[in-house]
Protein backbone atom coordinates (compact mmCIF):
# COMPACT_ATOMS: atom_id res chain seq x y z
CA MET A 1 81.47 41.44 -41.24
CA VAL A 2 84.87 40.34 -42.19
CA THR A 3 85.39 39.37 -45.79
CA ARG A 4 85.98 35.73 -45.98
CA PRO A 5 86.17 33.10 -48.89
CA LEU A 6 82.52 32.05 -48.10
CA SER A 7 79.35 31.44 -49.85
CA ARG A 8 76.18 30.64 -47.73
CA LEU A 9 74.27 27.45 -48.44
CA SER A 10 71.61 27.88 -45.84
CA GLU A 11 70.92 30.17 -42.70
CA TYR A 12 73.15 27.63 -40.57
CA SER A 13 75.90 26.39 -43.58
CA TRP A 14 78.32 28.14 -45.23
CA GLN A 15 80.96 26.70 -47.85
CA ILE A 16 84.58 27.30 -48.58
CA ASP A 17 84.71 26.49 -52.40
CA PRO A 18 88.00 24.51 -53.47
CA HIS A 19 90.74 26.56 -54.25
CA ASP A 20 94.77 26.67 -53.53
CA GLY A 21 94.97 22.64 -53.47
CA MET A 22 91.82 21.98 -51.77
CA ARG A 23 90.21 18.46 -52.82
CA VAL A 24 87.27 19.23 -51.42
CA PRO A 25 84.98 22.00 -50.27
CA GLY A 26 85.23 23.11 -46.84
CA ILE A 27 81.47 23.28 -44.77
CA ILE A 28 81.00 25.15 -41.70
CA TYR A 29 77.85 25.03 -39.46
CA ALA A 30 77.16 28.32 -38.15
CA ASP A 31 74.53 30.88 -37.83
CA HIS A 32 75.39 34.46 -38.84
CA LYS A 33 76.41 35.72 -35.55
CA LEU A 34 78.99 32.62 -34.83
CA ILE A 35 80.22 33.14 -38.28
CA ASP A 36 81.06 36.83 -37.66
CA SER A 37 82.97 35.90 -34.14
CA MET A 38 84.89 32.89 -35.58
CA ASP A 39 88.59 33.24 -35.69
CA ASP A 40 90.13 33.52 -38.90
CA LYS A 41 92.32 30.55 -38.10
CA VAL A 42 89.44 28.25 -38.53
CA TRP A 43 88.91 29.05 -42.20
CA GLU A 44 92.56 28.57 -42.89
CA GLN A 45 92.88 25.33 -40.92
CA LEU A 46 89.85 23.92 -42.67
CA ARG A 47 91.13 24.71 -46.09
CA ASN A 48 94.41 22.87 -45.29
CA VAL A 49 92.37 19.84 -43.80
CA ALA A 50 90.59 19.76 -47.33
CA CYS A 51 93.97 19.65 -49.42
CA LEU A 52 94.83 16.19 -47.45
CA PRO A 53 94.93 13.06 -49.69
CA GLY A 54 91.97 10.84 -49.83
CA ILE A 55 89.56 13.00 -47.95
CA VAL A 56 85.79 12.39 -49.06
CA GLN A 57 82.74 14.78 -49.49
CA ALA A 58 84.06 17.96 -47.51
CA ALA A 59 86.12 19.15 -44.60
CA TYR A 60 83.46 20.12 -41.83
CA ALA A 61 83.61 22.71 -38.90
CA MET A 62 81.01 22.45 -36.11
CA PRO A 63 79.10 25.52 -34.64
CA ASP A 64 81.95 25.50 -31.55
CA ALA A 65 84.67 25.74 -34.15
CA HIS A 66 88.02 27.67 -32.96
CA TRP A 67 91.68 27.39 -33.57
CA GLY A 68 93.42 24.19 -32.69
CA TYR A 69 96.59 22.25 -33.47
CA GLY A 70 96.18 20.56 -37.06
CA PHE A 71 92.56 20.36 -37.19
CA PRO A 72 90.27 23.14 -35.92
CA ILE A 73 88.99 21.95 -32.92
CA GLY A 74 85.39 21.35 -34.05
CA GLY A 75 86.75 19.88 -37.10
CA VAL A 76 85.57 16.76 -38.72
CA ALA A 77 86.85 14.88 -41.91
CA ALA A 78 86.67 11.30 -43.61
CA PHE A 79 89.29 9.58 -45.68
CA ASP A 80 88.92 6.63 -47.83
CA PRO A 81 92.27 4.05 -47.06
CA ASP A 82 91.73 2.99 -50.67
CA GLN A 83 91.90 6.30 -52.25
CA GLY A 84 95.47 6.90 -50.33
CA GLY A 85 93.51 8.56 -47.19
CA VAL A 86 95.59 9.69 -44.47
CA ILE A 87 95.55 9.41 -40.80
CA SER A 88 96.48 12.26 -38.91
CA ALA A 89 97.56 12.98 -35.38
CA GLY A 90 96.62 16.42 -35.39
CA GLY A 91 93.10 15.37 -36.70
CA VAL A 92 92.65 13.56 -33.47
CA GLY A 93 94.38 15.81 -30.99
CA PHE A 94 96.83 15.29 -27.96
CA ASP A 95 93.90 14.59 -25.17
CA ILE A 96 92.84 10.86 -27.30
CA SER A 97 89.08 10.26 -26.51
CA CYS A 98 88.48 13.26 -24.24
CA GLY A 99 85.01 13.02 -23.62
CA VAL A 100 81.93 13.39 -21.67
CA ARG A 101 80.02 10.72 -19.62
CA LEU A 102 76.27 11.51 -17.92
CA LEU A 103 75.14 9.77 -14.52
CA HIS A 104 71.74 9.86 -13.43
CA THR A 105 71.70 10.14 -9.16
CA GLY A 106 68.06 9.18 -8.76
CA LEU A 107 68.07 12.60 -6.65
CA THR A 108 66.19 16.04 -7.04
CA ASN A 109 67.68 19.07 -6.47
CA ASP A 110 65.70 19.47 -3.29
CA GLU A 111 66.82 16.49 -1.91
CA LEU A 112 70.42 17.44 -2.64
CA GLN A 113 70.48 20.89 -1.80
CA PRO A 114 70.83 20.14 2.47
CA TYR A 115 74.22 18.30 1.54
CA LYS A 116 75.57 20.50 -1.15
CA LYS A 117 78.52 21.57 0.77
CA ILE A 118 79.57 18.66 2.12
CA LEU A 119 79.04 16.85 -1.01
CA ALA A 120 81.49 19.36 -2.83
CA ASN A 121 83.97 19.24 -0.32
CA GLU A 122 83.86 15.15 -0.61
CA LEU A 123 84.25 15.33 -4.17
CA ALA A 124 87.17 17.67 -4.28
CA ARG A 125 88.92 15.50 -1.53
CA ALA A 126 88.00 12.19 -3.44
CA ILE A 127 88.91 13.04 -7.09
CA PRO A 128 92.19 14.23 -7.80
CA ALA A 129 92.35 17.08 -10.19
CA GLY A 130 95.02 19.70 -11.49
CA VAL A 131 98.09 19.91 -13.88
CA GLY A 132 100.17 16.93 -13.32
CA SER A 133 97.54 15.35 -10.75
CA SER A 134 98.39 11.59 -9.81
CA GLY A 135 96.14 9.49 -7.50
CA SER A 136 96.16 6.26 -5.58
CA ILE A 137 96.55 3.82 -8.27
CA ARG A 138 99.61 2.60 -9.39
CA LEU A 139 99.85 0.32 -12.55
CA THR A 140 102.66 -2.32 -13.24
CA SER A 141 103.64 -2.90 -16.74
CA ARG A 142 101.49 -5.78 -17.27
CA GLU A 143 98.58 -3.78 -15.60
CA MET A 144 99.09 -0.95 -18.15
CA ASP A 145 98.88 -2.97 -21.47
CA GLU A 146 95.81 -4.62 -19.76
CA MET A 147 94.10 -1.59 -19.55
CA LEU A 148 95.27 -0.08 -23.04
CA THR A 149 93.83 -3.30 -24.39
CA GLY A 150 90.57 -3.37 -22.05
CA GLY A 151 89.52 -0.13 -21.87
CA ALA A 152 86.60 0.14 -19.43
CA HIS A 153 86.04 -3.57 -19.78
CA TRP A 154 89.21 -3.55 -17.75
CA ALA A 155 88.10 -1.02 -15.10
CA VAL A 156 85.32 -3.07 -14.51
CA LYS A 157 87.05 -6.10 -14.21
CA GLN A 158 89.11 -4.69 -11.49
CA GLY A 159 86.13 -3.56 -9.38
CA TRP A 160 85.66 -0.18 -10.85
CA GLY A 161 82.15 0.02 -11.54
CA LEU A 162 79.25 -2.24 -13.36
CA ASP A 163 78.68 -4.62 -16.21
CA SER A 164 75.87 -2.69 -16.62
CA ASP A 165 78.03 0.53 -17.80
CA LEU A 166 79.43 -1.01 -20.53
CA SER A 167 76.38 -0.96 -22.98
CA ARG A 168 76.20 2.81 -22.61
CA ILE A 169 79.39 3.53 -23.43
CA GLU A 170 81.05 4.08 -27.10
CA GLU A 171 82.38 1.05 -28.51
CA CYS A 172 80.52 -0.80 -25.57
CA GLY A 173 83.64 0.47 -23.16
CA CYS A 174 86.31 -1.31 -25.57
CA MET A 175 87.95 -0.23 -28.51
CA GLU A 176 89.38 -3.07 -30.74
CA GLY A 177 92.43 -3.11 -32.57
CA ALA A 178 94.52 -1.15 -29.67
CA ASP A 179 98.29 -2.12 -29.39
CA PRO A 180 100.07 -1.50 -26.54
CA ALA A 181 103.06 -2.22 -28.25
CA MET A 182 102.87 0.66 -30.24
CA VAL A 183 102.87 3.21 -27.33
CA SER A 184 106.19 4.22 -25.81
CA GLU A 185 107.54 3.50 -22.64
CA ARG A 186 107.53 7.30 -22.06
CA ALA A 187 103.93 7.43 -22.59
CA LYS A 188 103.20 4.62 -20.71
CA GLU A 189 105.74 6.40 -17.48
CA ARG A 190 103.73 9.39 -17.78
CA GLN A 191 100.29 7.54 -17.17
CA ARG A 192 101.42 4.96 -14.36
CA ASN A 193 100.20 7.38 -11.58
CA GLU A 194 97.32 9.31 -13.52
CA MET A 195 94.57 6.51 -13.89
CA GLY A 196 91.50 7.84 -12.00
CA THR A 197 92.69 11.58 -12.25
CA LEU A 198 90.83 14.40 -13.58
CA GLY A 199 93.27 16.41 -15.15
CA SER A 200 93.39 20.26 -15.78
CA GLY A 201 92.15 22.75 -18.80
CA ASN A 202 88.51 22.39 -19.40
CA HIS A 203 88.01 19.15 -17.81
CA TYR A 204 85.75 19.08 -14.96
CA LEU A 205 83.23 16.96 -12.59
CA GLU A 206 80.03 18.90 -12.43
CA VAL A 207 76.99 18.02 -10.53
CA GLN A 208 73.91 19.82 -12.46
CA GLN A 209 70.25 20.04 -12.35
CA VAL A 210 67.80 19.42 -14.90
CA THR A 211 66.35 22.69 -15.72
CA GLY A 212 64.17 22.34 -18.97
CA ILE A 213 63.28 19.69 -21.51
CA TYR A 214 62.70 20.33 -25.14
CA ASP A 215 61.72 16.95 -26.18
CA ILE A 216 59.89 14.94 -23.92
CA SER A 217 59.97 11.66 -25.85
CA ILE A 218 63.28 11.61 -26.24
CA ALA A 219 64.06 12.72 -22.49
CA GLN A 220 61.53 9.89 -21.31
CA VAL A 221 63.86 7.16 -23.04
CA PHE A 222 67.12 8.98 -21.58
CA GLY A 223 65.21 8.99 -18.03
CA LEU A 224 65.63 12.82 -17.92
CA SER A 225 63.24 15.01 -16.04
CA CYS A 226 63.32 18.51 -14.70
CA GLY A 227 64.35 18.95 -11.07
CA GLU A 228 66.41 15.81 -11.32
CA VAL A 229 70.33 15.78 -10.74
CA VAL A 230 72.76 14.40 -12.78
CA VAL A 231 76.69 14.41 -12.73
CA SER A 232 78.87 15.05 -16.03
CA ILE A 233 82.48 13.76 -16.10
CA HIS A 234 84.94 15.69 -18.66
CA CYS A 235 88.18 14.12 -19.10
CA GLY A 236 90.73 11.93 -21.50
CA SER A 237 93.68 10.12 -21.55
CA ARG A 238 95.56 12.77 -19.58
CA GLY A 239 99.50 12.23 -20.20
CA LEU A 240 99.38 8.99 -22.30
CA GLY A 241 97.68 10.72 -24.80
CA HIS A 242 99.45 13.71 -25.07
CA GLN A 243 102.68 12.02 -25.29
CA ILE A 244 101.36 9.68 -28.11
CA GLY A 245 100.18 12.75 -30.27
CA THR A 246 103.84 14.69 -29.77
CA GLU A 247 105.79 11.87 -30.58
CA TYR A 248 103.58 10.37 -33.84
CA LEU A 249 103.17 14.07 -34.91
CA GLN A 250 106.98 14.24 -34.99
CA THR A 251 107.50 11.17 -36.51
CA MET A 252 104.72 11.94 -39.21
CA ALA A 253 106.04 14.79 -40.36
CA ILE A 254 109.76 13.68 -40.94
CA SER A 255 108.22 10.71 -42.97
CA ALA A 256 105.66 12.66 -44.95
CA VAL A 257 107.97 13.21 -48.21
CA GLN A 258 108.62 9.37 -48.31
CA HIS A 259 105.14 8.92 -48.31
CA GLY A 260 104.62 11.32 -51.18
CA ILE A 261 102.73 14.03 -49.04
CA GLU A 262 103.10 17.45 -49.33
CA LEU A 263 101.91 18.73 -46.05
CA PRO A 264 99.82 22.44 -46.04
CA ALA A 265 101.00 22.71 -42.58
CA ARG A 266 103.27 20.85 -40.55
CA ASP A 267 100.86 20.47 -37.60
CA LEU A 268 98.85 18.61 -39.91
CA ALA A 269 101.47 15.67 -40.12
CA CYS A 270 99.90 12.62 -41.24
CA ALA A 271 100.61 9.57 -42.87
CA PRO A 272 98.57 6.97 -45.07
CA VAL A 273 96.19 4.78 -43.07
CA ASN A 274 97.70 1.59 -45.24
CA SER A 275 101.38 2.51 -44.30
CA ASP A 276 103.22 0.90 -41.65
CA LEU A 277 103.19 4.20 -39.62
CA GLY A 278 99.76 4.48 -40.32
CA ARG A 279 98.78 1.47 -38.72
CA GLN A 280 101.03 1.94 -35.62
CA TYR A 281 99.52 5.33 -35.08
CA LEU A 282 96.04 3.53 -35.01
CA GLY A 283 97.18 1.00 -32.66
CA ALA A 284 98.46 3.57 -30.32
CA MET A 285 95.53 5.96 -30.55
CA ARG A 286 93.09 2.98 -30.09
CA ALA A 287 95.12 2.27 -26.98
CA GLY A 288 94.64 6.08 -25.93
CA ILE A 289 90.99 5.61 -26.40
CA ASN A 290 90.93 2.83 -23.82
CA CYS A 291 92.85 4.71 -21.38
CA ALA A 292 90.63 7.56 -21.43
CA LEU A 293 87.56 5.17 -21.08
CA ALA A 294 89.15 3.22 -18.14
CA ASN A 295 89.80 6.59 -16.56
CA ARG A 296 86.22 7.68 -16.84
CA GLN A 297 85.39 4.44 -15.58
CA ILE A 298 87.61 4.71 -12.53
CA LEU A 299 86.20 8.23 -11.86
CA THR A 300 82.56 7.05 -11.99
CA ASP A 301 83.33 4.60 -9.34
CA MET A 302 84.91 7.13 -6.92
CA THR A 303 82.06 9.48 -7.40
CA ARG A 304 79.08 6.91 -6.67
CA LYS A 305 81.52 6.11 -3.49
CA VAL A 306 81.13 9.62 -2.61
CA PHE A 307 77.41 9.71 -3.38
CA GLN A 308 76.82 6.54 -1.20
CA GLU A 309 79.04 8.21 1.77
CA VAL A 310 77.29 11.50 1.47
CA LEU A 311 73.65 10.67 0.15
CA PRO A 312 72.96 6.78 0.59
CA ASN A 313 69.54 6.94 -1.13
CA SER A 314 71.44 7.91 -4.44
CA CYS A 315 71.92 5.77 -7.16
CA LEU A 316 74.28 6.60 -10.00
CA THR A 317 73.54 4.90 -13.23
CA LEU A 318 75.21 5.71 -16.61
CA LEU A 319 73.06 7.57 -19.31
CA TYR A 320 76.17 7.59 -21.84
CA ASP A 321 79.84 7.98 -22.53
CA VAL A 322 80.70 9.73 -25.80
CA SER A 323 84.32 10.60 -26.85
CA HIS A 324 85.29 13.86 -28.88
CA ASN A 325 89.00 13.66 -30.17
CA THR A 326 89.00 10.15 -32.10
CA CYS A 327 89.40 8.76 -35.67
CA LYS A 328 87.20 5.66 -36.28
CA LEU A 329 86.75 3.13 -39.07
CA GLU A 330 83.05 3.78 -39.87
CA ALA A 331 80.53 2.82 -42.86
CA HIS A 332 79.12 5.54 -44.00
CA GLU A 333 76.70 6.22 -47.52
CA VAL A 334 78.74 8.54 -49.88
CA GLU A 335 76.85 9.08 -53.59
CA GLY A 336 74.80 6.34 -52.71
CA GLU A 337 77.76 3.98 -52.24
CA SER A 338 78.56 2.70 -48.60
CA ARG A 339 82.26 2.84 -47.83
CA MET A 340 84.57 2.37 -45.04
CA LEU A 341 86.04 5.54 -44.10
CA PHE A 342 88.25 6.39 -41.48
CA VAL A 343 86.42 9.45 -39.82
CA HIS A 344 88.50 12.11 -37.69
CA ARG A 345 86.58 14.23 -35.05
CA LYS A 346 88.63 16.92 -33.36
CA GLY A 347 86.63 18.67 -30.45
CA ALA A 348 83.45 16.92 -32.19
CA THR A 349 80.99 14.13 -31.07
CA ARG A 350 79.74 11.01 -32.74
CA ALA A 351 76.11 11.80 -33.27
CA LEU A 352 74.46 8.50 -34.57
CA GLY A 353 70.97 9.00 -35.79
CA PRO A 354 68.07 6.82 -34.51
CA GLY A 355 68.28 3.01 -35.78
CA HIS A 356 72.02 2.87 -35.90
CA PRO A 357 73.25 -0.59 -35.50
CA ALA A 358 76.13 0.40 -33.05
CA LEU A 359 73.72 2.11 -30.62
CA ASP A 360 71.79 0.10 -27.85
CA GLU A 361 67.98 -1.24 -28.49
CA ASP A 362 66.15 1.56 -26.54
CA LEU A 363 68.65 4.29 -27.88
CA LYS A 364 67.73 3.13 -31.60
CA LYS A 365 64.55 4.54 -31.04
CA THR A 366 66.00 8.28 -30.29
CA GLY A 367 69.38 8.45 -31.93
CA GLN A 368 72.66 8.67 -29.63
CA PRO A 369 72.69 11.03 -26.70
CA VAL A 370 75.19 13.90 -27.52
CA PHE A 371 76.48 15.77 -24.70
CA ILE A 372 77.56 19.53 -25.14
CA GLY A 373 79.17 20.83 -21.91
CA GLY A 374 79.27 24.42 -20.85
CA SER A 375 82.16 26.45 -18.84
CA MET A 376 81.64 26.09 -15.26
CA GLY A 377 78.96 29.01 -14.86
CA THR A 378 76.82 28.48 -17.90
CA GLU A 379 74.23 25.84 -18.84
CA SER A 380 75.16 22.32 -20.40
CA TYR A 381 72.82 20.29 -22.91
CA VAL A 382 71.89 17.04 -23.94
CA LEU A 383 70.92 16.60 -27.32
CA ALA A 384 70.22 13.48 -29.72
CA GLY A 385 71.82 12.29 -32.87
CA THR A 386 69.91 12.77 -36.05
CA MET A 387 69.63 11.02 -39.52
CA GLU A 388 70.45 14.44 -41.01
CA SER A 389 73.88 14.72 -39.22
CA GLN A 390 74.71 11.06 -40.71
CA GLN A 391 74.14 12.81 -44.32
CA ARG A 392 75.80 16.17 -43.56
CA ALA A 393 78.92 15.43 -41.20
CA PHE A 394 79.47 11.76 -40.97
CA GLY A 395 76.98 11.73 -37.94
CA SER A 396 78.66 14.25 -35.84
CA SER A 397 78.06 17.30 -33.81
CA CYS A 398 79.47 19.98 -31.52
CA HIS A 399 81.20 19.19 -28.12
CA GLY A 400 81.19 22.18 -26.50
CA ALA A 401 80.62 25.83 -26.22
CA GLY A 402 84.38 26.71 -27.87
CA ARG A 403 86.80 29.05 -26.70
CA ALA A 404 86.10 32.74 -27.45
CA MET A 405 89.69 33.72 -26.28
CA SER A 406 92.93 31.92 -25.61
CA ARG A 407 93.53 30.83 -22.03
CA HIS A 408 96.38 33.79 -21.73
CA GLN A 409 93.87 36.24 -22.55
CA ALA A 410 91.28 34.91 -20.00
CA ALA A 411 93.88 34.89 -17.25
CA ARG A 412 94.53 38.63 -18.01
CA LEU A 413 90.89 39.67 -17.94
CA TRP A 414 89.86 37.17 -14.66
CA HIS A 415 91.20 36.51 -11.44
CA GLY A 416 90.18 33.27 -10.31
CA ARG A 417 89.44 33.91 -6.82
CA SER A 418 86.74 36.44 -8.47
CA VAL A 419 85.50 33.97 -10.87
CA MET A 420 84.84 31.48 -7.67
CA LYS A 421 83.07 34.03 -5.53
CA GLU A 422 80.96 35.43 -8.20
CA LEU A 423 79.94 31.61 -9.44
CA GLU A 424 79.53 31.00 -5.23
CA SER A 425 76.87 34.19 -5.49
CA ARG A 426 74.70 32.41 -7.93
CA GLY A 427 74.52 29.19 -5.83
CA ILE A 428 77.44 27.29 -7.81
CA LEU A 429 79.95 25.93 -5.72
CA VAL A 430 83.59 25.38 -7.14
CA LYS A 431 86.55 23.63 -6.00
CA SER A 432 89.64 23.64 -7.69
CA PRO A 433 93.36 23.60 -6.85
CA SER A 434 94.36 26.66 -9.09
CA PHE A 435 93.10 29.76 -8.99
CA ARG A 436 94.87 30.52 -12.30
CA GLY A 437 92.92 27.51 -13.73
CA LEU A 438 89.81 28.89 -13.01
CA ALA A 439 90.41 32.27 -14.55
CA GLU A 440 91.71 30.60 -17.77
CA GLU A 441 88.16 28.83 -17.68
CA ALA A 442 86.09 31.96 -16.78
CA PRO A 443 82.79 31.14 -18.32
CA GLY A 444 83.38 34.76 -20.28
CA ALA A 445 86.37 33.22 -22.15
CA TYR A 446 83.81 30.67 -24.20
CA LYS A 447 81.10 31.28 -26.64
CA ASP A 448 77.49 31.64 -25.71
CA VAL A 449 76.75 27.81 -25.49
CA SER A 450 72.74 28.14 -26.08
CA LEU A 451 73.82 29.76 -29.61
CA VAL A 452 76.11 26.94 -30.70
CA VAL A 453 73.74 24.41 -29.63
CA GLU A 454 70.95 26.25 -31.52
CA ALA A 455 73.07 26.13 -34.36
CA ALA A 456 73.52 22.61 -34.02
CA GLU A 457 69.90 21.77 -33.97
CA HIS A 458 68.96 23.88 -36.79
CA ALA A 459 71.60 22.43 -38.92
CA GLY A 460 70.35 18.94 -38.23
CA LEU A 461 73.67 17.47 -36.51
CA SER A 462 71.47 16.71 -33.39
CA ARG A 463 68.41 17.49 -31.53
CA LYS A 464 67.74 19.38 -28.42
CA VAL A 465 66.30 17.21 -25.39
CA ALA A 466 67.45 18.81 -22.20
CA ARG A 467 69.19 21.68 -20.56
CA LEU A 468 71.62 21.19 -17.32
CA GLU A 469 72.72 23.90 -14.95
CA PRO A 470 75.44 23.54 -12.59
CA ILE A 471 75.33 23.26 -8.75
CA ILE A 472 78.67 22.12 -7.93
CA CYS A 473 81.86 22.18 -10.32
CA ILE A 474 85.27 20.25 -9.71
CA LYS A 475 87.95 21.80 -11.89
CA GLY A 476 91.67 21.15 -12.47
């Protein structure tokens, strides 16, 4: 094992003791194998996060943590605005509110199999995917601002989806406090033709089969059973979110000195939450969240229509939609006192425990659904939030397998056409406009998602409920 500044707290948790300007410790949730394989940049970035003003309790890294821009991907940190706490565009990420929603189909795998090829072809035809992909939706300036304010509510009002979807989306489908005026015209222009598009990178629409149940009582509340076919949609705020991140990172880096902030790294550019710049970024970032929620809602409507055409007996209902690149104002208990904190989750998902007031009534019995995506040819998992997570990581869990190598390295090792053929030999149909994209997202480029999920469960961050295996994957 490489020598690192770590002390072991338990079998699944490790601490970086405060040093070199750290205001709080760094905590990493992982087992020994994941720690050994974790890149050293995670340590460096977590240490830097722990140096930021107003940070509370600790800087956390999830079991899937790897190098990112600013925060490590899989990084969580909370800041107290009354103690000079900051908000960092690098702590949210460029793909604001990238997230996953899971849909029931009302079908079994046996019922789907005869229609598998035609369903894959029709989904690929209907769902725009790939770098710079654009759809048929064209928003006027007024519609853009309404979308940025209304999120999934706006989308449903326009006819994309059902009112019943909204209670199963974080923030009930609309992030309050969004301010479209804080979003540049350049960002809006980039998004004008991208609503209802999947994008590229690790985004996907995947048809999956439930192949394992680990907690029967929670699975029953979630409506999951072995043999059932479900659909996962993973995407975010597209060009708009990226532009917001780019512009505010630059502005925050320039203004850090006037706010008296000494940045441990330029990519951790931030501003006091209570400053004009902090409030401006909050308004823009919340608009980005609404963009992502609206985008996934539109994609859901498109997916429903394809299923209805190919499999009229299907009925796609939403289990849940959760984001994993956000900063949210939340109440958390710290040292016996309830405090309002701005919780950054970069490549980490909220994982609220049973009884939390933000959850739908039936989900209060189980805790919030948590989705941990695999990588085309590997399984994905459904988990549930825990009470322990609220104490250990501000109600957070991991969001995916986490990359084991860069996209450039993956493209040197694999060829997209070979990846597609290998997956097809295993019964997984993959549709993508880019063979290079498939190479970059090859299953071997990611960590073992099962190890990540086991670590999350044993660390108390979330409870394992069900395993999903891919049938059809639409990739950018």
